[in-house]
Amino acid sequence: MNTVSPEQVESTRRKAARLQGTILRQLSLVTQEHAADCMGVSSSTVSRQKEDLERFCQLLAAIDLQISPVGAVVVEQAEIAALESMAFKYLKARVEGRREE
């Protein structure tokens, strides 16, 4: 079994807490009853599942997964860096082009 540093454990705990907060906020927006109806279960089943939410969020955090809304677009950091680099080059060329006018 590999050991992890206390910092990694704390980082995982913080990530899990953020995930859990996000899930609980979204659940409060759609209501527990609506979620239960969509799942075809009772509201009390959803309530019981919330008891396991903390550990499930810890698992997601430990394996470096996150949640995002259905309509969200997830972009990797490398793609953002590439976009920023291209934007910088474009703006630099544009500014230099104005100086030549």
C-alpha atoms as a PDB file:
ATOM      1  CA  MET A   1       0.000   0.000   0.000  1.00  0.00           C
ATOM      2  CA  ASN A   2       1.357   3.427  -0.986  1.00  0.00           C
ATOM      3  CA  THR A   3       1.389   6.099   1.641  1.00  0.00           C
ATOM      4  CA  VAL A   4       0.174   9.607   0.992  1.00  0.00           C
ATOM      5  CA  SER A   5       1.300  12.768   2.651  1.00  0.00           C
ATOM      6  CA  PRO A   6      -0.859  14.596   5.186  1.00  0.00           C
ATOM      7  CA  GLU A   7      -1.064  17.413   2.620  1.00  0.00           C
ATOM      8  CA  GLN A   8      -2.583  15.047   0.041  1.00  0.00           C
ATOM      9  CA  VAL A   9      -5.096  13.791   2.595  1.00  0.00           C
ATOM     10  CA  GLU A  10      -6.057  17.377   3.470  1.00  0.00           C
ATOM     11  CA  SER A  11      -6.291  18.358  -0.202  1.00  0.00           C
ATOM     12  CA  THR A  12      -8.577  15.394  -0.872  1.00  0.00           C
ATOM     13  CA  ARG A  13     -10.727  16.331   2.118  1.00  0.00           C
ATOM     14  CA  ARG A  14     -11.081  19.932   0.856  1.00  0.00           C
ATOM     15  CA  LYS A  15     -11.941  18.795  -2.687  1.00  0.00           C
ATOM     16  CA  ALA A  16     -14.508  16.354  -1.305  1.00  0.00           C
ATOM     17  CA  ALA A  17     -16.086  19.071   0.822  1.00  0.00           C
ATOM     18  CA  ARG A  18     -16.419  21.321  -2.244  1.00  0.00           C
ATOM     19  CA  LEU A  19     -17.966  18.481  -4.259  1.00  0.00           C
ATOM     20  CA  GLN A  20     -20.407  17.690  -1.483  1.00  0.00           C
ATOM     21  CA  GLY A  21     -21.377  21.350  -1.159  1.00  0.00           C
ATOM     22  CA  THR A  22     -21.979  21.593  -4.901  1.00  0.00           C
ATOM     23  CA  ILE A  23     -24.159  18.487  -4.918  1.00  0.00           C
ATOM     24  CA  LEU A  24     -26.183  19.579  -1.900  1.00  0.00           C
ATOM     25  CA  ARG A  25     -26.729  23.087  -3.329  1.00  0.00           C
ATOM     26  CA  GLN A  26     -27.942  21.641  -6.615  1.00  0.00           C
ATOM     27  CA  LEU A  27     -30.186  19.185  -4.808  1.00  0.00           C
ATOM     28  CA  SER A  28     -31.749  22.038  -2.853  1.00  0.00           C
ATOM     29  CA  LEU A  29     -32.430  23.888  -6.115  1.00  0.00           C
ATOM     30  CA  VAL A  30     -34.243  21.003  -7.803  1.00  0.00           C
ATOM     31  CA  THR A  31     -35.637  19.640  -4.500  1.00  0.00           C
ATOM     32  CA  GLN A  32     -35.146  16.232  -3.027  1.00  0.00           C
ATOM     33  CA  GLU A  33     -38.677  15.257  -4.047  1.00  0.00           C
ATOM     34  CA  HIS A  34     -38.067  16.104  -7.708  1.00  0.00           C
ATOM     35  CA  ALA A  35     -34.790  14.194  -7.734  1.00  0.00           C
ATOM     36  CA  ALA A  36     -36.530  11.201  -6.159  1.00  0.00           C
ATOM     37  CA  ASP A  37     -39.325  11.323  -8.750  1.00  0.00           C
ATOM     38  CA  CYS A  38     -36.778  11.445 -11.591  1.00  0.00           C
ATOM     39  CA  MET A  39     -34.978   8.450 -10.089  1.00  0.00           C
ATOM     40  CA  GLY A  40     -38.189   6.510  -9.534  1.00  0.00           C
ATOM     41  CA  VAL A  41     -37.580   6.208  -5.804  1.00  0.00           C
ATOM     42  CA  SER A  42     -39.054   7.717  -2.665  1.00  0.00           C
ATOM     43  CA  SER A  43     -37.849  10.943  -1.140  1.00  0.00           C
ATOM     44  CA  SER A  44     -36.690   9.002   1.898  1.00  0.00           C
ATOM     45  CA  THR A  45     -34.416   6.917  -0.351  1.00  0.00           C
ATOM     46  CA  VAL A  46     -32.726  10.092  -1.567  1.00  0.00           C
ATOM     47  CA  SER A  47     -32.439  11.232   2.032  1.00  0.00           C
ATOM     48  CA  ARG A  48     -30.702   7.978   2.984  1.00  0.00           C
ATOM     49  CA  GLN A  49     -28.375   8.270   0.000  1.00  0.00           C
ATOM     50  CA  LYS A  50     -27.301  11.686   1.224  1.00  0.00           C
ATOM     51  CA  GLU A  51     -25.831   9.920   4.262  1.00  0.00           C
ATOM     52  CA  ASP A  52     -23.295   8.217   1.955  1.00  0.00           C
ATOM     53  CA  LEU A  53     -22.576  11.393   0.018  1.00  0.00           C
ATOM     54  CA  GLU A  54     -19.532  12.456   2.039  1.00  0.00           C
ATOM     55  CA  ARG A  55     -17.682   9.181   1.412  1.00  0.00           C
ATOM     56  CA  PHE A  56     -18.678   9.156  -2.254  1.00  0.00           C
ATOM     57  CA  CYS A  57     -17.327  12.701  -2.635  1.00  0.00           C
ATOM     58  CA  GLN A  58     -14.120  11.620  -0.927  1.00  0.00           C
ATOM     59  CA  LEU A  59     -13.790   8.835  -3.496  1.00  0.00           C
ATOM     60  CA  LEU A  60     -14.333  11.254  -6.391  1.00  0.00           C
ATOM     61  CA  ALA A  61     -11.727  13.617  -4.945  1.00  0.00           C
ATOM     62  CA  ALA A  62      -9.242  10.806  -4.317  1.00  0.00           C
ATOM     63  CA  ILE A  63      -9.387   9.688  -7.952  1.00  0.00           C
ATOM     64  CA  ASP A  64      -9.258  13.273  -9.267  1.00  0.00           C
ATOM     65  CA  LEU A  65     -12.748  13.494 -10.686  1.00  0.00           C
ATOM     66  CA  GLN A  66     -15.086  16.404 -10.405  1.00  0.00           C
ATOM     67  CA  ILE A  67     -18.683  17.110 -11.274  1.00  0.00           C
ATOM     68  CA  SER A  68     -20.019  19.710 -13.664  1.00  0.00           C
ATOM     69  CA  PRO A  69     -23.467  20.787 -14.790  1.00  0.00           C
ATOM     70  CA  VAL A  70     -24.861  19.059 -17.874  1.00  0.00           C
ATOM     71  CA  GLY A  71     -24.572  22.209 -19.978  1.00  0.00           C
ATOM     72  CA  ALA A  72     -20.988  22.932 -18.935  1.00  0.00           C
ATOM     73  CA  VAL A  73     -18.021  22.599 -21.238  1.00  0.00           C
ATOM     74  CA  VAL A  74     -14.987  21.108 -19.530  1.00  0.00           C
ATOM     75  CA  VAL A  75     -11.641  22.208 -20.918  1.00  0.00           C
ATOM     76  CA  GLU A  76      -8.286  20.819 -19.882  1.00  0.00           C
ATOM     77  CA  GLN A  77      -5.659  23.176 -18.482  1.00  0.00           C
ATOM     78  CA  ALA A  78      -3.366  22.480 -21.427  1.00  0.00           C
ATOM     79  CA  GLU A  79      -6.090  23.622 -23.827  1.00  0.00           C
ATOM     80  CA  ILE A  80      -6.597  26.827 -21.836  1.00  0.00           C
ATOM     81  CA  ALA A  81      -2.843  27.474 -21.917  1.00  0.00           C
ATOM     82  CA  ALA A  82      -2.813  26.973 -25.693  1.00  0.00           C
ATOM     83  CA  LEU A  83      -5.747  29.356 -26.128  1.00  0.00           C
ATOM     84  CA  GLU A  84      -4.064  31.980 -23.946  1.00  0.00           C
ATOM     85  CA  SER A  85      -0.840  31.635 -25.938  1.00  0.00           C
ATOM     86  CA  MET A  86      -2.649  32.067 -29.254  1.00  0.00           C
ATOM     87  CA  ALA A  87      -4.614  35.052 -27.930  1.00  0.00           C
ATOM     88  CA  PHE A  88      -1.405  36.662 -26.681  1.00  0.00           C
ATOM     89  CA  LYS A  89       0.299  36.191 -30.058  1.00  0.00           C
ATOM     90  CA  TYR A  90      -2.734  37.587 -31.878  1.00  0.00           C
ATOM     91  CA  LEU A  91      -2.955  40.659 -29.635  1.00  0.00           C
ATOM     92  CA  LYS A  92       0.795  41.248 -29.825  1.00  0.00           C
ATOM     93  CA  ALA A  93       0.690  41.117 -33.633  1.00  0.00           C
ATOM     94  CA  ARG A  94      -2.293  43.450 -33.679  1.00  0.00           C
ATOM     95  CA  VAL A  95      -0.592  46.009 -31.420  1.00  0.00           C
ATOM     96  CA  GLU A  96       2.610  45.825 -33.462  1.00  0.00           C
ATOM     97  CA  GLY A  97       0.587  46.256 -36.642  1.00  0.00           C
ATOM     98  CA  ARG A  98      -0.948  49.459 -35.287  1.00  0.00           C
ATOM     99  CA  ARG A  99       2.500  50.842 -34.487  1.00  0.00           C
ATOM    100  CA  GLU A 100       3.515  50.404 -38.121  1.00  0.00           C
ATOM    101  CA  GLU A 101       0.552  52.405 -39.432  1.00  0.00           C
END
